[in-house]
Amino acid sequence: MLSEAVSCNKILEKLGGGNKGVVHKADDTGRKRTVALNFLLASAGAS
């Protein structure tokens, strides 16, 4: 998913991941700042 856009955010790199999701470093192109995006895995909410 490197260098893809999500809404007004351009994903730069993967920062980490675990059992519940993945965190990516991204540029917020609208506000011109660096942000962290947390994506939850579909299986994280299953019980």
N, C-alpha and C. Protein backbone atom coordinates (compact mmCIF):
# COMPACT_ATOMS: atom_id res chain seq x y z
N MET A 1 0.83 -1.20 0.00
CA MET A 1 0.00 0.00 0.00
C MET A 1 0.87 1.26 0.00
N LEU A 2 2.13 1.10 -0.22
CA LEU A 2 3.05 2.23 -0.19
C LEU A 2 2.76 3.21 -1.33
N SER A 3 2.81 4.50 -1.04
CA SER A 3 2.59 5.59 -2.01
C SER A 3 1.19 5.62 -2.59
N GLU A 4 0.21 5.15 -1.86
CA GLU A 4 -1.18 5.25 -2.29
C GLU A 4 -1.85 6.37 -1.51
N ALA A 5 -2.97 6.86 -2.04
CA ALA A 5 -3.70 7.94 -1.39
C ALA A 5 -4.97 7.40 -0.73
N VAL A 6 -5.25 7.91 0.46
CA VAL A 6 -6.47 7.61 1.18
C VAL A 6 -7.06 8.95 1.56
N SER A 7 -8.20 9.29 0.98
CA SER A 7 -8.82 10.60 1.19
C SER A 7 -7.81 11.67 0.78
N CYS A 8 -7.47 12.60 1.65
CA CYS A 8 -6.50 13.65 1.32
C CYS A 8 -5.14 13.33 1.93
N ASN A 9 -4.87 12.03 2.17
CA ASN A 9 -3.60 11.60 2.76
C ASN A 9 -2.82 10.73 1.79
N LYS A 10 -1.53 11.00 1.65
CA LYS A 10 -0.66 10.17 0.82
C LYS A 10 0.19 9.31 1.74
N ILE A 11 0.04 8.00 1.65
CA ILE A 11 0.75 7.07 2.51
C ILE A 11 2.22 7.03 2.09
N LEU A 12 3.11 7.19 3.08
CA LEU A 12 4.54 7.21 2.82
C LEU A 12 5.23 5.91 3.17
N GLU A 13 4.92 5.37 4.37
CA GLU A 13 5.56 4.14 4.81
C GLU A 13 4.77 3.47 5.92
N LYS A 14 5.03 2.19 6.10
CA LYS A 14 4.43 1.43 7.20
C LYS A 14 5.27 1.64 8.43
N LEU A 15 4.63 2.01 9.55
CA LEU A 15 5.34 2.22 10.81
C LEU A 15 5.32 0.98 11.69
N GLY A 16 4.24 0.22 11.62
CA GLY A 16 4.15 -0.97 12.47
C GLY A 16 2.82 -1.66 12.31
N GLY A 17 2.69 -2.79 12.95
CA GLY A 17 1.44 -3.54 12.87
C GLY A 17 1.38 -4.58 13.97
N GLY A 18 0.19 -5.05 14.20
CA GLY A 18 -0.02 -6.06 15.24
C GLY A 18 -1.25 -6.88 14.96
N ASN A 19 -1.83 -7.44 16.01
CA ASN A 19 -3.00 -8.31 15.88
C ASN A 19 -4.25 -7.55 15.44
N LYS A 20 -4.35 -6.28 15.78
CA LYS A 20 -5.58 -5.53 15.51
C LYS A 20 -5.51 -4.60 14.31
N GLY A 21 -4.31 -4.25 13.85
CA GLY A 21 -4.23 -3.34 12.73
C GLY A 21 -2.83 -2.96 12.33
N VAL A 22 -2.75 -1.95 11.44
CA VAL A 22 -1.49 -1.49 10.88
C VAL A 22 -1.46 0.04 10.96
N VAL A 23 -0.29 0.60 11.26
CA VAL A 23 -0.12 2.06 11.33
C VAL A 23 0.82 2.48 10.21
N HIS A 24 0.39 3.52 9.47
CA HIS A 24 1.18 4.05 8.37
C HIS A 24 1.48 5.53 8.61
N LYS A 25 2.66 5.97 8.18
CA LYS A 25 3.02 7.39 8.16
C LYS A 25 2.49 7.96 6.84
N ALA A 26 1.86 9.14 6.91
CA ALA A 26 1.27 9.73 5.71
C ALA A 26 1.39 11.24 5.73
N ASP A 27 1.31 11.84 4.55
CA ASP A 27 1.25 13.29 4.41
C ASP A 27 -0.20 13.71 4.25
N ASP A 28 -0.69 14.61 5.10
CA ASP A 28 -2.01 15.20 4.95
C ASP A 28 -1.84 16.35 3.96
N THR A 29 -2.27 16.14 2.72
CA THR A 29 -2.04 17.13 1.67
C THR A 29 -2.89 18.38 1.86
N GLY A 30 -4.01 18.27 2.51
CA GLY A 30 -4.86 19.43 2.76
C GLY A 30 -4.29 20.37 3.82
N ARG A 31 -3.75 19.79 4.88
CA ARG A 31 -3.21 20.59 5.99
C ARG A 31 -1.69 20.72 5.95
N LYS A 32 -1.06 20.03 4.99
CA LYS A 32 0.39 20.08 4.80
C LYS A 32 1.16 19.73 6.07
N ARG A 33 0.86 18.53 6.60
CA ARG A 33 1.57 18.04 7.78
C ARG A 33 1.64 16.52 7.74
N THR A 34 2.52 15.96 8.53
CA THR A 34 2.68 14.51 8.62
C THR A 34 1.73 13.96 9.68
N VAL A 35 1.06 12.86 9.34
CA VAL A 35 0.10 12.23 10.26
C VAL A 35 0.34 10.73 10.32
N ALA A 36 -0.26 10.07 11.29
CA ALA A 36 -0.25 8.61 11.38
C ALA A 36 -1.66 8.11 11.13
N LEU A 37 -1.79 7.12 10.25
CA LEU A 37 -3.09 6.53 9.95
C LEU A 37 -3.12 5.11 10.50
N ASN A 38 -4.18 4.79 11.25
CA ASN A 38 -4.34 3.48 11.84
C ASN A 38 -5.45 2.75 11.09
N PHE A 39 -5.12 1.61 10.49
CA PHE A 39 -6.10 0.79 9.79
C PHE A 39 -6.36 -0.46 10.61
N LEU A 40 -7.61 -0.66 11.01
CA LEU A 40 -7.97 -1.86 11.77
C LEU A 40 -8.25 -3.01 10.82
N LEU A 41 -7.80 -4.19 11.20
CA LEU A 41 -8.06 -5.39 10.40
C LEU A 41 -9.50 -5.81 10.58
N ALA A 42 -10.09 -6.36 9.53
CA ALA A 42 -11.49 -6.80 9.58
C ALA A 42 -11.70 -7.86 10.67
N SER A 43 -10.71 -8.69 10.91
CA SER A 43 -10.84 -9.74 11.93
C SER A 43 -10.69 -9.22 13.35
N ALA A 44 -10.27 -7.95 13.53
CA ALA A 44 -10.05 -7.41 14.87
C ALA A 44 -11.36 -7.27 15.65
N GLY A 45 -12.46 -7.02 14.97
CA GLY A 45 -13.73 -6.85 15.65
C GLY A 45 -14.52 -8.13 15.85
N ALA A 46 -14.07 -9.21 15.22
CA ALA A 46 -14.78 -10.49 15.33
C ALA A 46 -14.52 -11.11 16.70
N SER A 47 -15.59 -11.70 17.27
CA SER A 47 -15.40 -12.35 18.57
C SER A 47 -15.67 -13.82 18.49
